[in-house]
Amino acid sequence: MTTATDSTRTIVTGSKSALPARRAGSSRNREQLISWAFLAPFLLAFVLFLAWPIVHGIILSFTDQSLTGAGGSFIGFANYAEALADPKMWQSMGNTVWFTLLSTVPLVVIALLMAALVDRGLPGQWLWRLSFFMPYLLASTVISQIWVWIFNPQIGAANNILEFFGLEPLAWLQNPDTNMLSIVIATIWWTVGFNFLLYLAAMQNIPPQQYEAASLDGAGPWRQFWSITLPQLGPATVLILILQILASLKLFDQAYQMLGGVASDTTRSIVQYIYEAGFVSYRFGYSAAISYVFFALIVIIGVAQALIMRRRKESQL
């Protein structure tokens, strides 16, 4: 028979065994609260400055909202239909793609050569690293002003170099045939240092024993670079290409500042056209629609790059 004493002992024992479970549960809840407290500032900033602007922009793209506060009525896909039929939008998109093609290849090749020179033991490495990377730290306004002086038709260094070689001076920023090239040259000088740093970090991760073994086999510097360095820079090159294409597609600052805010049909980028539609023509809804058409283009490029990378990996396996 079970006595009252046994029952009491069982209840006490059960209550004692339940205490650790309760304490573990309260401790787990406290940890979750602390975790959410640390995440709250980031989540708040994410919602206010990223998630909500995206949602609000999509809503605006379906309205005739004006910067002056007028409008705001729902008009369906009218803005998107107008954007797809707008020749200026497609011209701006073409200018952006053209700038991307002109700038991406030199920014990859020049950065690779710069990194190779420093990595192979060029004297005064710290000075070369500093001088190659320093322009990237400057603001776009400073870069623009420097190159406006360089491309000045009367006193600029660019025309002095042309005259030294017996060539005719050019109106670099005023001539529609050369103003895009001028922006590309300034952009390369400004941003090549970042790509150089990525390539240099990748090269320094290559084990030196591989070069020593190649030297013992009679391979010279060029053969070592071609057979050892380049194959192992594939991931870094893909990363640089992706970052460079995305950065070039967002062309605005240097072009706007170097041309004094007056873009021609050969230099107006899609970002500047979005700016002009929203803040010059006061058409916020139409500007939002153009921006999401541009976003769709970036998504398509990103998906294409991902598919190409996947196929390359599969072919290597």
Protein backbone atom coordinates (compact mmCIF):
# COMPACT_ATOMS: atom_id res chain seq x y z
CA MET A 1 0.00 0.00 0.00
CA THR A 2 1.10 3.56 -0.71
CA THR A 3 1.27 5.60 2.44
CA ALA A 4 0.75 9.35 2.81
CA THR A 5 4.45 9.75 3.46
CA ASP A 6 5.32 8.11 0.15
CA SER A 7 2.87 10.35 -1.71
CA THR A 8 4.30 13.45 -0.10
CA ARG A 9 7.84 12.32 -0.96
CA THR A 10 6.79 11.78 -4.60
CA ILE A 11 5.22 15.25 -4.85
CA VAL A 12 8.28 16.92 -3.35
CA THR A 13 10.63 14.97 -5.61
CA GLY A 14 8.55 15.86 -8.68
CA SER A 15 8.48 19.54 -7.79
CA LYS A 16 12.25 19.54 -7.28
CA SER A 17 12.79 17.90 -10.68
CA ALA A 18 10.52 20.47 -12.33
CA LEU A 19 12.55 23.39 -11.02
CA PRO A 20 15.54 22.91 -13.39
CA ALA A 21 13.17 22.67 -16.36
CA ARG A 22 11.45 25.92 -15.36
CA ARG A 23 14.80 27.62 -14.84
CA ALA A 24 16.01 26.36 -18.23
CA GLY A 25 12.85 27.66 -19.89
CA SER A 26 13.14 31.10 -18.25
CA SER A 27 16.84 31.25 -19.16
CA ARG A 28 16.02 30.39 -22.77
CA ASN A 29 13.33 33.09 -22.90
CA ARG A 30 15.77 35.61 -21.44
CA GLU A 31 18.37 34.74 -24.09
CA GLN A 32 15.78 35.15 -26.83
CA LEU A 33 14.77 38.55 -25.48
CA ILE A 34 18.40 39.64 -25.35
CA SER A 35 18.93 38.41 -28.92
CA TRP A 36 15.91 40.35 -30.19
CA ALA A 37 17.10 43.42 -28.27
CA PHE A 38 20.43 43.29 -30.13
CA LEU A 39 18.67 42.67 -33.47
CA ALA A 40 16.07 45.40 -32.98
CA PRO A 41 18.22 48.39 -34.11
CA PHE A 42 19.29 46.58 -37.29
CA LEU A 43 15.75 45.38 -38.04
CA LEU A 44 14.38 48.88 -37.47
CA ALA A 45 16.99 50.39 -39.81
CA PHE A 46 16.34 47.62 -42.36
CA VAL A 47 12.60 48.27 -42.38
CA LEU A 48 12.87 52.07 -42.41
CA PHE A 49 15.68 52.50 -44.93
CA LEU A 50 15.43 49.43 -47.18
CA ALA A 51 12.23 47.41 -46.96
CA TRP A 52 9.79 50.31 -46.71
CA PRO A 53 11.45 52.43 -49.48
CA ILE A 54 11.27 49.40 -51.81
CA VAL A 55 7.59 48.82 -51.06
CA HIS A 56 6.81 52.54 -51.22
CA GLY A 57 8.66 52.84 -54.55
CA ILE A 58 6.63 50.00 -56.02
CA ILE A 59 3.43 51.71 -54.87
CA LEU A 60 4.57 55.04 -56.34
CA SER A 61 5.33 53.42 -59.71
CA PHE A 62 1.61 52.68 -60.13
CA THR A 63 0.53 56.28 -59.45
CA ASP A 64 0.89 59.71 -61.04
CA GLN A 65 2.48 61.14 -57.89
CA SER A 66 4.29 64.46 -58.37
CA LEU A 67 7.13 65.98 -56.34
CA THR A 68 4.86 68.97 -55.68
CA GLY A 69 2.38 66.73 -53.87
CA ALA A 70 -0.20 66.70 -56.64
CA GLY A 71 -1.56 63.51 -58.13
CA GLY A 72 -1.19 60.23 -56.35
CA SER A 73 -4.02 58.50 -58.19
CA PHE A 74 -3.66 54.86 -59.15
CA ILE A 75 -3.00 54.57 -62.90
CA GLY A 76 -2.03 50.92 -63.20
CA PHE A 77 0.81 50.04 -65.56
CA ALA A 78 0.66 53.36 -67.47
CA ASN A 79 4.08 54.49 -66.15
CA TYR A 80 5.68 51.20 -67.14
CA ALA A 81 4.13 51.30 -70.59
CA GLU A 82 5.39 54.87 -71.07
CA ALA A 83 8.87 53.92 -69.85
CA LEU A 84 9.16 50.96 -72.21
CA ALA A 85 8.13 53.19 -75.12
CA ASP A 86 10.37 56.12 -74.07
CA PRO A 87 13.32 56.50 -76.50
CA LYS A 88 15.24 58.67 -74.00
CA MET A 89 15.07 55.93 -71.39
CA TRP A 90 16.47 53.36 -73.81
CA GLN A 91 19.13 55.81 -74.95
CA SER A 92 20.15 56.39 -71.32
CA MET A 93 20.17 52.65 -70.76
CA GLY A 94 22.38 52.22 -73.82
CA ASN A 95 24.78 54.90 -72.57
CA THR A 96 25.01 53.10 -69.22
CA VAL A 97 25.74 49.74 -70.88
CA TRP A 98 28.30 51.39 -73.17
CA PHE A 99 30.06 52.98 -70.20
CA THR A 100 30.06 49.60 -68.44
CA LEU A 101 31.68 47.91 -71.43
CA LEU A 102 34.29 50.66 -71.83
CA SER A 103 35.27 50.75 -68.17
CA THR A 104 35.03 47.14 -66.98
CA VAL A 105 37.71 45.56 -69.18
CA PRO A 106 40.43 48.18 -68.45
CA LEU A 107 39.58 48.16 -64.76
CA VAL A 108 40.17 44.40 -64.64
CA VAL A 109 43.26 44.25 -66.86
CA ILE A 110 45.03 47.30 -65.39
CA ALA A 111 44.34 46.16 -61.83
CA LEU A 112 45.75 42.73 -62.66
CA LEU A 113 48.95 44.22 -64.09
CA MET A 114 49.37 46.56 -61.13
CA ALA A 115 48.92 43.73 -58.64
CA ALA A 116 51.37 41.52 -60.56
CA LEU A 117 54.04 44.23 -60.48
CA VAL A 118 53.71 44.76 -56.74
CA ASP A 119 53.41 41.06 -55.93
CA ARG A 120 56.60 40.13 -57.84
CA GLY A 121 58.77 42.23 -55.55
CA LEU A 122 58.68 45.76 -56.98
CA PRO A 123 60.92 48.00 -54.83
CA GLY A 124 59.06 50.21 -52.35
CA GLN A 125 55.92 48.07 -52.20
CA TRP A 126 54.24 50.14 -49.50
CA LEU A 127 54.59 53.27 -51.61
CA TRP A 128 53.11 51.60 -54.69
CA ARG A 129 50.22 50.17 -52.70
CA LEU A 130 49.47 53.57 -51.20
CA SER A 131 49.67 55.43 -54.50
CA PHE A 132 47.57 52.84 -56.34
CA PHE A 133 44.84 52.72 -53.68
CA MET A 134 44.80 56.36 -52.55
CA PRO A 135 42.54 57.73 -55.35
CA TYR A 136 39.82 55.26 -54.36
CA LEU A 137 39.60 56.93 -50.94
CA LEU A 138 38.81 60.35 -52.43
CA ALA A 139 35.26 61.65 -52.76
CA SER A 140 33.66 61.79 -56.19
CA THR A 141 33.51 65.60 -56.02
CA VAL A 142 37.29 65.78 -55.57
CA ILE A 143 37.91 63.32 -58.40
CA SER A 144 35.57 65.22 -60.70
CA GLN A 145 37.21 68.56 -60.02
CA ILE A 146 40.70 67.14 -60.59
CA TRP A 147 39.74 65.73 -63.98
CA VAL A 148 37.81 68.84 -65.00
CA TRP A 149 41.13 70.69 -64.63
CA ILE A 150 43.04 67.99 -66.48
CA PHE A 151 40.56 68.05 -69.39
CA ASN A 152 40.36 71.85 -69.53
CA PRO A 153 40.77 72.81 -73.23
CA GLN A 154 43.04 75.80 -72.49
CA ILE A 155 45.21 74.86 -69.52
CA GLY A 156 44.56 71.15 -69.00
CA ALA A 157 47.35 68.58 -68.83
CA ALA A 158 45.57 66.27 -71.28
CA ASN A 159 45.90 68.73 -74.18
CA ASN A 160 49.47 69.56 -73.17
CA ILE A 161 50.31 65.87 -73.62
CA LEU A 162 48.60 65.80 -77.02
CA GLU A 163 50.48 68.91 -78.15
CA PHE A 164 53.77 67.39 -76.99
CA PHE A 165 53.19 64.53 -79.42
CA GLY A 166 52.14 66.91 -82.18
CA LEU A 167 48.39 66.19 -81.95
CA GLU A 168 45.52 68.63 -82.05
CA PRO A 169 44.00 69.66 -78.68
CA LEU A 170 40.52 68.42 -77.87
CA ALA A 171 37.50 69.78 -76.05
CA TRP A 172 37.32 66.64 -73.95
CA LEU A 173 34.17 67.28 -71.95
CA GLN A 174 32.43 69.51 -74.48
CA ASN A 175 32.76 67.25 -77.52
CA PRO A 176 30.07 64.49 -77.76
CA ASP A 177 32.68 62.21 -79.33
CA THR A 178 35.05 62.38 -76.35
CA ASN A 179 33.00 63.25 -73.26
CA MET A 180 32.09 59.63 -72.48
CA LEU A 181 35.73 58.60 -72.97
CA SER A 182 36.77 61.35 -70.56
CA ILE A 183 34.40 60.03 -67.89
CA VAL A 184 35.73 56.50 -68.43
CA ILE A 185 39.36 57.64 -68.01
CA ALA A 186 38.53 59.50 -64.79
CA THR A 187 36.59 56.52 -63.45
CA ILE A 188 39.44 54.09 -64.18
CA TRP A 189 41.96 56.29 -62.37
CA TRP A 190 39.55 56.68 -59.45
CA THR A 191 38.43 53.07 -58.86
CA VAL A 192 41.19 50.79 -60.18
CA GLY A 193 42.85 50.78 -56.76
CA PHE A 194 40.06 48.71 -55.22
CA ASN A 195 40.37 45.99 -57.87
CA PHE A 196 44.14 46.14 -57.48
CA LEU A 197 43.80 45.41 -53.76
CA LEU A 198 41.53 42.41 -54.39
CA TYR A 199 43.93 40.97 -56.96
CA LEU A 200 46.94 41.55 -54.71
CA ALA A 201 45.24 39.76 -51.79
CA ALA A 202 44.42 36.81 -54.08
CA MET A 203 47.99 36.62 -55.39
CA GLN A 204 49.47 36.64 -51.90
CA ASN A 205 47.32 33.64 -50.99
CA ILE A 206 49.05 31.51 -53.64
CA PRO A 207 51.61 29.24 -51.91
CA PRO A 208 55.20 30.33 -52.77
CA GLN A 209 56.25 26.68 -53.00
CA GLN A 210 54.46 26.46 -56.33
CA TYR A 211 56.68 29.19 -57.81
CA GLU A 212 59.79 27.56 -56.33
CA ALA A 213 58.90 24.21 -57.88
CA ALA A 214 58.23 25.89 -61.23
CA SER A 215 61.60 27.68 -61.07
CA LEU A 216 63.37 24.37 -60.46
CA ASP A 217 61.61 22.99 -63.54
CA GLY A 218 62.98 25.89 -65.60
CA ALA A 219 59.79 28.01 -65.84
CA GLY A 220 60.44 31.72 -66.23
CA PRO A 221 58.41 34.60 -64.73
CA TRP A 222 56.01 34.77 -67.69
CA ARG A 223 55.36 31.00 -67.68
CA GLN A 224 54.82 31.09 -63.91
CA PHE A 225 52.34 33.94 -64.24
CA TRP A 226 50.48 32.25 -67.07
CA SER A 227 50.43 28.71 -65.63
CA ILE A 228 50.28 29.33 -61.86
CA THR A 229 49.01 32.83 -61.08
CA LEU A 230 46.26 33.33 -63.66
CA PRO A 231 44.45 29.98 -63.12
CA GLN A 232 44.23 30.61 -59.38
CA LEU A 233 42.88 34.14 -59.85
CA GLY A 234 39.63 32.84 -61.38
CA PRO A 235 37.43 33.36 -58.27
CA ALA A 236 38.90 36.83 -57.66
CA THR A 237 38.32 37.78 -61.30
CA VAL A 238 34.69 36.67 -61.16
CA LEU A 239 34.16 38.68 -57.98
CA ILE A 240 35.80 41.77 -59.48
CA LEU A 241 33.74 41.46 -62.67
CA ILE A 242 30.48 41.23 -60.73
CA LEU A 243 31.32 44.16 -58.46
CA GLN A 244 32.61 46.23 -61.37
CA ILE A 245 29.59 45.66 -63.58
CA LEU A 246 27.19 46.54 -60.78
CA ALA A 247 29.19 49.65 -59.90
CA SER A 248 29.42 50.80 -63.53
CA LEU A 249 25.69 50.38 -64.06
CA LYS A 250 25.15 52.94 -61.28
CA LEU A 251 27.07 55.67 -63.12
CA PHE A 252 25.95 59.10 -61.93
CA ASP A 253 28.23 61.07 -59.58
CA GLN A 254 31.32 61.68 -61.68
CA ALA A 255 29.40 62.18 -64.93
CA TYR A 256 26.99 64.65 -63.36
CA GLN A 257 29.75 66.64 -61.67
CA MET A 258 32.27 66.63 -64.51
CA LEU A 259 29.64 67.87 -66.98
CA GLY A 260 28.21 70.43 -64.59
CA GLY A 261 24.84 68.69 -64.35
CA VAL A 262 24.19 69.14 -68.07
CA ALA A 263 24.13 65.70 -69.66
CA SER A 264 24.18 65.20 -73.41
CA ASP A 265 22.54 62.41 -75.35
CA THR A 266 25.86 60.55 -75.30
CA THR A 267 26.54 60.74 -71.54
CA ARG A 268 23.15 60.70 -69.82
CA SER A 269 23.06 57.53 -67.70
CA ILE A 270 19.91 55.73 -66.63
CA VAL A 271 20.42 56.85 -63.02
CA GLN A 272 20.64 60.47 -64.13
CA TYR A 273 17.50 60.05 -66.24
CA ILE A 274 15.70 58.68 -63.17
CA TYR A 275 16.91 61.74 -61.24
CA GLU A 276 15.76 64.11 -63.97
CA ALA A 277 12.34 62.47 -64.22
CA GLY A 278 11.79 62.72 -60.47
CA PHE A 279 13.48 65.97 -59.42
CA VAL A 280 13.49 68.03 -62.62
CA SER A 281 10.21 67.00 -64.23
CA TYR A 282 8.62 66.36 -60.79
CA ARG A 283 7.22 62.99 -61.95
CA PHE A 284 7.86 60.75 -58.95
CA GLY A 285 5.63 57.94 -60.16
CA TYR A 286 7.27 57.79 -63.58
CA SER A 287 10.73 58.01 -62.03
CA ALA A 288 9.92 55.06 -59.75
CA ALA A 289 8.72 53.00 -62.73
CA ILE A 290 11.97 53.66 -64.63
CA SER A 291 14.00 52.67 -61.57
CA TYR A 292 12.25 49.30 -61.36
CA VAL A 293 12.78 48.68 -65.07
CA PHE A 294 16.46 49.33 -64.40
CA PHE A 295 16.30 47.03 -61.37
CA ALA A 296 14.89 44.28 -63.59
CA LEU A 297 17.88 44.72 -65.93
CA ILE A 298 20.30 44.33 -63.02
CA VAL A 299 18.48 41.20 -61.85
CA ILE A 300 18.69 39.70 -65.35
CA ILE A 301 22.44 40.43 -65.49
CA GLY A 302 22.93 38.94 -62.02
CA VAL A 303 21.03 35.77 -62.89
CA ALA A 304 22.98 35.41 -66.15
CA GLN A 305 26.29 35.75 -64.31
CA ALA A 306 25.20 33.16 -61.74
CA LEU A 307 24.24 30.69 -64.48
CA ILE A 308 27.53 31.22 -66.29
CA MET A 309 29.50 30.66 -63.08
CA ARG A 310 27.52 27.50 -62.31
CA ARG A 311 28.15 26.09 -65.77
CA ARG A 312 31.86 26.84 -65.48
CA LYS A 313 32.05 25.01 -62.16
CA GLU A 314 30.15 22.04 -63.58
CA SER A 315 32.44 21.90 -66.60
CA GLN A 316 35.52 21.96 -64.36
CA LEU A 317 34.15 19.05 -62.36
